[in-house]
Amino acid sequence: TTEKGTSTGGKAGDQTGREGRIRDLYPRSR
């Protein structure tokens, strides 16, 4: 997600350090 929690409309680049990351596998409701 963008820094706004959206799919569009954010600033270019990683604004939070978490927009793109290496993470553990997690459960999803879907």
Full PDB file with SEQRES, HELIX, SHEET, SSBOND, CRYST1, ORIGX, SCALE, CONECT and MASTER records, all heavy atoms in Angstrom:
SEQRES   1 A   30  THR THR GLU LYS GLY THR SER THR GLY GLY LYS ALA GLY          
SEQRES   2 A   30  ASP GLN THR GLY ARG GLU GLY ARG ILE ARG ASP LEU TYR          
SEQRES   3 A   30  PRO ARG SER ARG                                              
CRYST1    1.000    1.000    1.000  90.00  90.00  90.00 P 1           1          
ORIGX1      1.000000  0.000000  0.000000        0.00000                         
ORIGX2      0.000000  1.000000  0.000000        0.00000                         
ORIGX3      0.000000  0.000000  1.000000        0.00000                         
SCALE1      1.000000  0.000000  0.000000        0.00000                         
SCALE2      0.000000  1.000000  0.000000        0.00000                         
SCALE3      0.000000  0.000000  1.000000        0.00000                         
ATOM      1  N   THR A   1       0.842  -1.206   0.000  1.00  0.00           N  
ATOM      2  CA  THR A   1       0.000   0.000   0.000  1.00  0.00           C  
ATOM      3  C   THR A   1       0.871   1.248   0.000  1.00  0.00           C  
ATOM      4  O   THR A   1       2.038   1.212   0.396  1.00  0.00           O  
ATOM      5  CB  THR A   1      -0.928   0.008   1.227  1.00  0.00           C  
ATOM      6  OG1 THR A   1      -1.793   1.148   1.185  1.00  0.00           O  
ATOM      7  CG2 THR A   1      -0.146   0.048   2.523  1.00  0.00           C  
ATOM      8  N   THR A   2       0.298   2.368  -0.458  1.00  0.00           N  
ATOM      9  CA  THR A   2       0.998   3.650  -0.375  1.00  0.00           C  
ATOM     10  C   THR A   2       1.016   4.121   1.076  1.00  0.00           C  
ATOM     11  O   THR A   2       0.405   3.511   1.961  1.00  0.00           O  
ATOM     12  CB  THR A   2       0.286   4.720  -1.219  1.00  0.00           C  
ATOM     13  OG1 THR A   2      -0.959   5.059  -0.587  1.00  0.00           O  
ATOM     14  CG2 THR A   2       0.020   4.234  -2.637  1.00  0.00           C  
ATOM     15  N   GLU A   3       1.693   5.232   1.296  1.00  0.00           N  
ATOM     16  CA  GLU A   3       1.738   5.799   2.644  1.00  0.00           C  
ATOM     17  C   GLU A   3       0.353   6.244   3.118  1.00  0.00           C  
ATOM     18  O   GLU A   3       0.115   6.428   4.315  1.00  0.00           O  
ATOM     19  CB  GLU A   3       2.734   6.965   2.709  1.00  0.00           C  
ATOM     20  CG  GLU A   3       2.267   8.269   2.072  1.00  0.00           C  
ATOM     21  CD  GLU A   3       2.465   8.323   0.570  1.00  0.00           C  
ATOM     22  OE1 GLU A   3       2.792   7.264  -0.029  1.00  0.00           O  
ATOM     23  OE2 GLU A   3       2.292   9.418  -0.012  1.00  0.00           O  
ATOM     24  N   LYS A   4      -0.586   6.365   2.184  1.00  0.00           N  
ATOM     25  CA  LYS A   4      -1.944   6.772   2.530  1.00  0.00           C  
ATOM     26  C   LYS A   4      -2.866   5.582   2.792  1.00  0.00           C  
ATOM     27  O   LYS A   4      -4.041   5.759   3.094  1.00  0.00           O  
ATOM     28  CB  LYS A   4      -2.535   7.617   1.404  1.00  0.00           C  
ATOM     29  CG  LYS A   4      -1.834   8.936   1.162  1.00  0.00           C  
ATOM     30  CD  LYS A   4      -2.503   9.706   0.033  1.00  0.00           C  
ATOM     31  CE  LYS A   4      -1.853  11.063  -0.185  1.00  0.00           C  
ATOM     32  NZ  LYS A   4      -2.531  11.813  -1.285  1.00  0.00           N  
ATOM     33  N   GLY A   5      -2.322   4.374   2.630  1.00  0.00           N  
ATOM     34  CA  GLY A   5      -3.153   3.191   2.775  1.00  0.00           C  
ATOM     35  C   GLY A   5      -4.016   2.941   1.560  1.00  0.00           C  
ATOM     36  O   GLY A   5      -5.032   2.235   1.639  1.00  0.00           O  
ATOM     37  N   THR A   6      -3.610   3.504   0.424  1.00  0.00           N  
ATOM     38  CA  THR A   6      -4.378   3.390  -0.816  1.00  0.00           C  
ATOM     39  C   THR A   6      -3.524   2.722  -1.881  1.00  0.00           C  
ATOM     40  O   THR A   6      -2.318   2.507  -1.700  1.00  0.00           O  
ATOM     41  CB  THR A   6      -4.807   4.770  -1.310  1.00  0.00           C  
ATOM     42  OG1 THR A   6      -3.627   5.566  -1.544  1.00  0.00           O  
ATOM     43  CG2 THR A   6      -5.694   5.463  -0.282  1.00  0.00           C  
ATOM     44  N   SER A   7      -4.127   2.416  -3.021  1.00  0.00           N  
ATOM     45  CA  SER A   7      -3.372   1.828  -4.127  1.00  0.00           C  
ATOM     46  C   SER A   7      -2.833   2.892  -5.074  1.00  0.00           C  
ATOM     47  O   SER A   7      -1.902   2.639  -5.835  1.00  0.00           O  
ATOM     48  CB  SER A   7      -4.246   0.841  -4.906  1.00  0.00           C  
ATOM     49  OG  SER A   7      -5.395   1.489  -5.424  1.00  0.00           O  
ATOM     50  N   THR A   8      -3.400   4.092  -5.036  1.00  0.00           N  
ATOM     51  CA  THR A   8      -2.956   5.196  -5.894  1.00  0.00           C  
ATOM     52  C   THR A   8      -2.908   6.480  -5.082  1.00  0.00           C  
ATOM     53  O   THR A   8      -3.389   6.549  -3.951  1.00  0.00           O  
ATOM     54  CB  THR A   8      -3.921   5.388  -7.087  1.00  0.00           C  
ATOM     55  OG1 THR A   8      -5.230   5.699  -6.573  1.00  0.00           O  
ATOM     56  CG2 THR A   8      -4.003   4.147  -7.955  1.00  0.00           C  
ATOM     57  N   GLY A   9      -2.275   7.492  -5.689  1.00  0.00           N  
ATOM     58  CA  GLY A   9      -2.306   8.815  -5.085  1.00  0.00           C  
ATOM     59  C   GLY A   9      -1.214   9.110  -4.080  1.00  0.00           C  
ATOM     60  O   GLY A   9      -1.176  10.203  -3.508  1.00  0.00           O  
ATOM     61  N   GLY A  10      -0.313   8.192  -3.839  1.00  0.00           N  
ATOM     62  CA  GLY A  10       0.776   8.441  -2.906  1.00  0.00           C  
ATOM     63  C   GLY A  10       1.959   9.105  -3.571  1.00  0.00           C  
ATOM     64  O   GLY A  10       2.017   9.251  -4.797  1.00  0.00           O  
ATOM     65  N   LYS A  11       2.925   9.523  -2.770  1.00  0.00           N  
ATOM     66  CA  LYS A  11       4.159  10.084  -3.302  1.00  0.00           C  
ATOM     67  C   LYS A  11       5.038   8.969  -3.853  1.00  0.00           C  
ATOM     68  O   LYS A  11       4.991   7.837  -3.374  1.00  0.00           O  
ATOM     69  CB  LYS A  11       4.908  10.848  -2.209  1.00  0.00           C  
ATOM     70  CG  LYS A  11       4.222  12.106  -1.730  1.00  0.00           C  
ATOM     71  CD  LYS A  11       5.079  12.817  -0.687  1.00  0.00           C  
ATOM     72  CE  LYS A  11       4.428  14.099  -0.210  1.00  0.00           C  
ATOM     73  NZ  LYS A  11       5.257  14.787   0.812  1.00  0.00           N  
ATOM     74  N   ALA A  12       5.843   9.304  -4.854  1.00  0.00           N  
ATOM     75  CA  ALA A  12       6.761   8.324  -5.422  1.00  0.00           C  
ATOM     76  C   ALA A  12       7.786   7.914  -4.380  1.00  0.00           C  
ATOM     77  O   ALA A  12       8.224   8.727  -3.557  1.00  0.00           O  
ATOM     78  CB  ALA A  12       7.448   8.903  -6.648  1.00  0.00           C  
ATOM     79  N   GLY A  13       8.170   6.665  -4.414  1.00  0.00           N  
ATOM     80  CA  GLY A  13       9.170   6.165  -3.483  1.00  0.00           C  
ATOM     81  C   GLY A  13       8.543   5.679  -2.187  1.00  0.00           C  
ATOM     82  O   GLY A  13       7.357   5.904  -1.910  1.00  0.00           O  
ATOM     83  N   ASP A  14       9.348   5.026  -1.375  1.00  0.00           N  
ATOM     84  CA  ASP A  14       8.868   4.443  -0.118  1.00  0.00           C  
ATOM     85  C   ASP A  14       8.855   5.506   0.976  1.00  0.00           C  
ATOM     86  O   ASP A  14       9.901   5.903   1.479  1.00  0.00           O  
ATOM     87  CB  ASP A  14       9.769   3.269   0.267  1.00  0.00           C  
ATOM     88  CG  ASP A  14       9.200   2.447   1.412  1.00  0.00           C  
ATOM     89  OD1 ASP A  14       8.158   2.832   1.966  1.00  0.00           O  
ATOM     90  OD2 ASP A  14       9.798   1.406   1.736  1.00  0.00           O  
ATOM     91  N   GLN A  15       7.676   5.941   1.354  1.00  0.00           N  
ATOM     92  CA  GLN A  15       7.529   7.022   2.338  1.00  0.00           C  
ATOM     93  C   GLN A  15       7.498   6.505   3.777  1.00  0.00           C  
ATOM     94  O   GLN A  15       7.687   7.280   4.717  1.00  0.00           O  
ATOM     95  CB  GLN A  15       6.248   7.801   2.055  1.00  0.00           C  
ATOM     96  CG  GLN A  15       6.144   8.350   0.646  1.00  0.00           C  
ATOM     97  CD  GLN A  15       7.300   9.275   0.304  1.00  0.00           C  
ATOM     98  OE1 GLN A  15       7.626  10.189   1.077  1.00  0.00           O  
ATOM     99  NE2 GLN A  15       7.941   9.034  -0.836  1.00  0.00           N  
ATOM    100  N   THR A  16       7.251   5.219   3.948  1.00  0.00           N  
ATOM    101  CA  THR A  16       7.071   4.679   5.301  1.00  0.00           C  
ATOM    102  C   THR A  16       8.090   3.620   5.679  1.00  0.00           C  
ATOM    103  O   THR A  16       8.186   3.245   6.851  1.00  0.00           O  
ATOM    104  CB  THR A  16       5.672   4.056   5.439  1.00  0.00           C  
ATOM    105  OG1 THR A  16       5.582   2.900   4.574  1.00  0.00           O  
ATOM    106  CG2 THR A  16       4.585   5.054   5.078  1.00  0.00           C  
ATOM    107  N   GLY A  17       8.863   3.145   4.693  1.00  0.00           N  
ATOM    108  CA  GLY A  17       9.774   2.022   4.954  1.00  0.00           C  
ATOM    109  C   GLY A  17       9.061   0.685   4.946  1.00  0.00           C  
ATOM    110  O   GLY A  17       9.680  -0.355   5.199  1.00  0.00           O  
ATOM    111  N   ARG A  18       7.754   0.713   4.647  1.00  0.00           N  
ATOM    112  CA  ARG A  18       6.967  -0.515   4.670  1.00  0.00           C  
ATOM    113  C   ARG A  18       6.099  -0.690   3.421  1.00  0.00           C  
ATOM    114  O   ARG A  18       5.322  -1.649   3.342  1.00  0.00           O  
ATOM    115  CB  ARG A  18       6.064  -0.533   5.912  1.00  0.00           C  
ATOM    116  CG  ARG A  18       6.828  -0.564   7.222  1.00  0.00           C  
ATOM    117  CD  ARG A  18       5.905  -0.314   8.414  1.00  0.00           C  
ATOM    118  NE  ARG A  18       4.856  -1.329   8.513  1.00  0.00           N  
ATOM    119  CZ  ARG A  18       5.012  -2.506   9.112  1.00  0.00           C  
ATOM    120  NH1 ARG A  18       6.181  -2.824   9.649  1.00  0.00           N  
ATOM    121  NH2 ARG A  18       4.006  -3.362   9.195  1.00  0.00           N  
ATOM    122  N   GLU A  19       6.228   0.218   2.463  1.00  0.00           N  
ATOM    123  CA  GLU A  19       5.408   0.089   1.253  1.00  0.00           C  
ATOM    124  C   GLU A  19       5.797  -1.167   0.470  1.00  0.00           C  
ATOM    125  O   GLU A  19       4.956  -1.843  -0.107  1.00  0.00           O  
ATOM    126  CB  GLU A  19       5.541   1.339   0.388  1.00  0.00           C  
ATOM    127  CG  GLU A  19       4.936   2.580   1.040  1.00  0.00           C  
ATOM    128  CD  GLU A  19       4.980   3.797   0.132  1.00  0.00           C  
ATOM    129  OE1 GLU A  19       4.836   3.636  -1.101  1.00  0.00           O  
ATOM    130  OE2 GLU A  19       5.153   4.921   0.645  1.00  0.00           O  
ATOM    131  N   GLY A  20       7.081  -1.435   0.425  1.00  0.00           N  
ATOM    132  CA  GLY A  20       7.594  -2.684  -0.117  1.00  0.00           C  
ATOM    133  C   GLY A  20       8.568  -3.259   0.893  1.00  0.00           C  
ATOM    134  O   GLY A  20       9.452  -2.551   1.374  1.00  0.00           O  
ATOM    135  N   ARG A  21       8.419  -4.516   1.245  1.00  0.00           N  
ATOM    136  CA  ARG A  21       9.253  -5.058   2.321  1.00  0.00           C  
ATOM    137  C   ARG A  21       9.358  -6.574   2.215  1.00  0.00           C  
ATOM    138  O   ARG A  21       8.619  -7.231   1.478  1.00  0.00           O  
ATOM    139  CB  ARG A  21       8.672  -4.680   3.675  1.00  0.00           C  
ATOM    140  CG  ARG A  21       7.207  -5.080   3.855  1.00  0.00           C  
ATOM    141  CD  ARG A  21       6.696  -4.736   5.222  1.00  0.00           C  
ATOM    142  NE  ARG A  21       5.246  -4.854   5.326  1.00  0.00           N  
ATOM    143  CZ  ARG A  21       4.600  -5.122   6.456  1.00  0.00           C  
ATOM    144  NH1 ARG A  21       5.289  -5.292   7.576  1.00  0.00           N  
ATOM    145  NH2 ARG A  21       3.290  -5.207   6.470  1.00  0.00           N  
ATOM    146  N   ILE A  22      10.294  -7.124   2.988  1.00  0.00           N  
ATOM    147  CA  ILE A  22      10.401  -8.560   3.204  1.00  0.00           C  
ATOM    148  C   ILE A  22       9.722  -8.849   4.532  1.00  0.00           C  
ATOM    149  O   ILE A  22      10.084  -8.262   5.559  1.00  0.00           O  
ATOM    150  CB  ILE A  22      11.867  -9.027   3.241  1.00  0.00           C  
ATOM    151  CG1 ILE A  22      12.609  -8.621   1.957  1.00  0.00           C  
ATOM    152  CG2 ILE A  22      11.934 -10.535   3.466  1.00  0.00           C  
ATOM    153  CD1 ILE A  22      12.100  -9.259   0.697  1.00  0.00           C  
ATOM    154  N   ARG A  23       8.755  -9.739   4.519  1.00  0.00           N  
ATOM    155  CA  ARG A  23       7.978  -9.962   5.730  1.00  0.00           C  
ATOM    156  C   ARG A  23       7.662 -11.448   5.908  1.00  0.00           C  
ATOM    157  O   ARG A  23       7.878 -12.273   5.002  1.00  0.00           O  
ATOM    158  CB  ARG A  23       6.680  -9.165   5.674  1.00  0.00           C  
ATOM    159  CG  ARG A  23       5.736  -9.573   4.540  1.00  0.00           C  
ATOM    160  CD  ARG A  23       4.366  -8.929   4.697  1.00  0.00           C  
ATOM    161  NE  ARG A  23       3.714  -9.366   5.929  1.00  0.00           N  
ATOM    162  CZ  ARG A  23       2.614  -8.804   6.422  1.00  0.00           C  
ATOM    163  NH1 ARG A  23       2.041  -7.783   5.797  1.00  0.00           N  
ATOM    164  NH2 ARG A  23       2.075  -9.245   7.542  1.00  0.00           N  
ATOM    165  N   ASP A  24       7.140 -11.784   7.091  1.00  0.00           N  
ATOM    166  CA  ASP A  24       6.667 -13.137   7.347  1.00  0.00           C  
ATOM    167  C   ASP A  24       5.372 -13.381   6.580  1.00  0.00           C  
ATOM    168  O   ASP A  24       4.617 -12.446   6.267  1.00  0.00           O  
ATOM    169  CB  ASP A  24       6.399 -13.349   8.842  1.00  0.00           C  
ATOM    170  CG  ASP A  24       7.669 -13.343   9.681  1.00  0.00           C  
ATOM    171  OD1 ASP A  24       8.742 -13.688   9.126  1.00  0.00           O  
ATOM    172  OD2 ASP A  24       7.588 -13.002  10.873  1.00  0.00           O  
ATOM    173  N   LEU A  25       5.114 -14.642   6.305  1.00  0.00           N  
ATOM    174  CA  LEU A  25       3.829 -15.012   5.740  1.00  0.00           C  
ATOM    175  C   LEU A  25       2.735 -14.738   6.769  1.00  0.00           C  
ATOM    176  O   LEU A  25       2.932 -14.950   7.964  1.00  0.00           O  
ATOM    177  CB  LEU A  25       3.847 -16.494   5.367  1.00  0.00           C  
ATOM    178  CG  LEU A  25       2.602 -17.063   4.685  1.00  0.00           C  
ATOM    179  CD1 LEU A  25       2.280 -16.318   3.397  1.00  0.00           C  
ATOM    180  CD2 LEU A  25       2.802 -18.550   4.399  1.00  0.00           C  
ATOM    181  N   TYR A  26       1.607 -14.277   6.305  1.00  0.00           N  
ATOM    182  CA  TYR A  26       0.544 -13.892   7.237  1.00  0.00           C  
ATOM    183  C   TYR A  26      -0.803 -14.404   6.728  1.00  0.00           C  
ATOM    184  O   TYR A  26      -1.004 -14.614   5.528  1.00  0.00           O  
ATOM    185  CB  TYR A  26       0.508 -12.371   7.398  1.00  0.00           C  
ATOM    186  CG  TYR A  26       0.146 -11.623   6.121  1.00  0.00           C  
ATOM    187  CD1 TYR A  26      -1.157 -11.215   5.893  1.00  0.00           C  
ATOM    188  CD2 TYR A  26       1.117 -11.338   5.160  1.00  0.00           C  
ATOM    189  CE1 TYR A  26      -1.500 -10.534   4.725  1.00  0.00           C  
ATOM    190  CE2 TYR A  26       0.790 -10.659   4.006  1.00  0.00           C  
ATOM    191  CZ  TYR A  26      -0.515 -10.260   3.789  1.00  0.00           C  
ATOM    192  OH  TYR A  26      -0.851  -9.598   2.639  1.00  0.00           O  
ATOM    193  N   PRO A  27      -1.775 -14.593   7.652  1.00  0.00           N  
ATOM    194  CA  PRO A  27      -3.105 -15.038   7.230  1.00  0.00           C  
ATOM    195  C   PRO A  27      -3.898 -13.873   6.642  1.00  0.00           C  
ATOM    196  O   PRO A  27      -3.732 -12.727   7.051  1.00  0.00           O  
ATOM    197  CB  PRO A  27      -3.728 -15.537   8.529  1.00  0.00           C  
ATOM    198  CG  PRO A  27      -3.049 -14.734   9.595  1.00  0.00           C  
ATOM    199  CD  PRO A  27      -1.649 -14.499   9.122  1.00  0.00           C  
ATOM    200  N   ARG A  28      -4.726 -14.168   5.673  1.00  0.00           N  
ATOM    201  CA  ARG A  28      -5.583 -13.153   5.057  1.00  0.00           C  
ATOM    202  C   ARG A  28      -7.037 -13.602   5.163  1.00  0.00           C  
ATOM    203  O   ARG A  28      -7.345 -14.791   5.026  1.00  0.00           O  
ATOM    204  CB  ARG A  28      -5.231 -12.960   3.575  1.00  0.00           C  
ATOM    205  CG  ARG A  28      -3.805 -12.568   3.307  1.00  0.00           C  
ATOM    206  CD  ARG A  28      -3.533 -12.513   1.805  1.00  0.00           C  
ATOM    207  NE  ARG A  28      -4.159 -11.363   1.159  1.00  0.00           N  
ATOM    208  CZ  ARG A  28      -5.000 -11.437   0.139  1.00  0.00           C  
ATOM    209  NH1 ARG A  28      -5.364 -12.610  -0.344  1.00  0.00           N  
ATOM    210  NH2 ARG A  28      -5.504 -10.342  -0.397  1.00  0.00           N  
ATOM    211  N   SER A  29      -7.924 -12.656   5.349  1.00  0.00           N  
ATOM    212  CA  SER A  29      -9.343 -13.008   5.414  1.00  0.00           C  
ATOM    213  C   SER A  29      -9.813 -13.614   4.094  1.00  0.00           C  
ATOM    214  O   SER A  29     -10.711 -14.463   4.073  1.00  0.00           O  
ATOM    215  CB  SER A  29     -10.180 -11.769   5.751  1.00  0.00           C  
ATOM    216  OG  SER A  29     -10.001 -10.758   4.767  1.00  0.00           O  
ATOM    217  N   ARG A  30      -9.186 -13.196   2.997  1.00  0.00           N  
ATOM    218  CA  ARG A  30      -9.549 -13.724   1.668  1.00  0.00           C  
ATOM    219  C   ARG A  30      -8.723 -14.950   1.289  1.00  0.00           C  
ATOM    220  O   ARG A  30      -8.953 -15.558   0.240  1.00  0.00           O  
ATOM    221  CB  ARG A  30      -9.401 -12.625   0.618  1.00  0.00           C  
ATOM    222  CG  ARG A  30     -10.259 -11.386   0.917  1.00  0.00           C  
ATOM    223  CD  ARG A  30      -9.958 -10.242  -0.029  1.00  0.00           C  
ATOM    224  NE  ARG A  30     -10.452 -10.497  -1.376  1.00  0.00           N  
ATOM    225  CZ  ARG A  30     -10.246  -9.676  -2.409  1.00  0.00           C  
ATOM    226  NH1 ARG A  30      -9.568  -8.550  -2.223  1.00  0.00           N  
ATOM    227  NH2 ARG A  30     -10.729  -9.962  -3.593  1.00  0.00           N  
TER     228      ARG A  30                                                      
MASTER        0    0    0    0    0    0    0    6  227    1    0    3          
END                                                                             
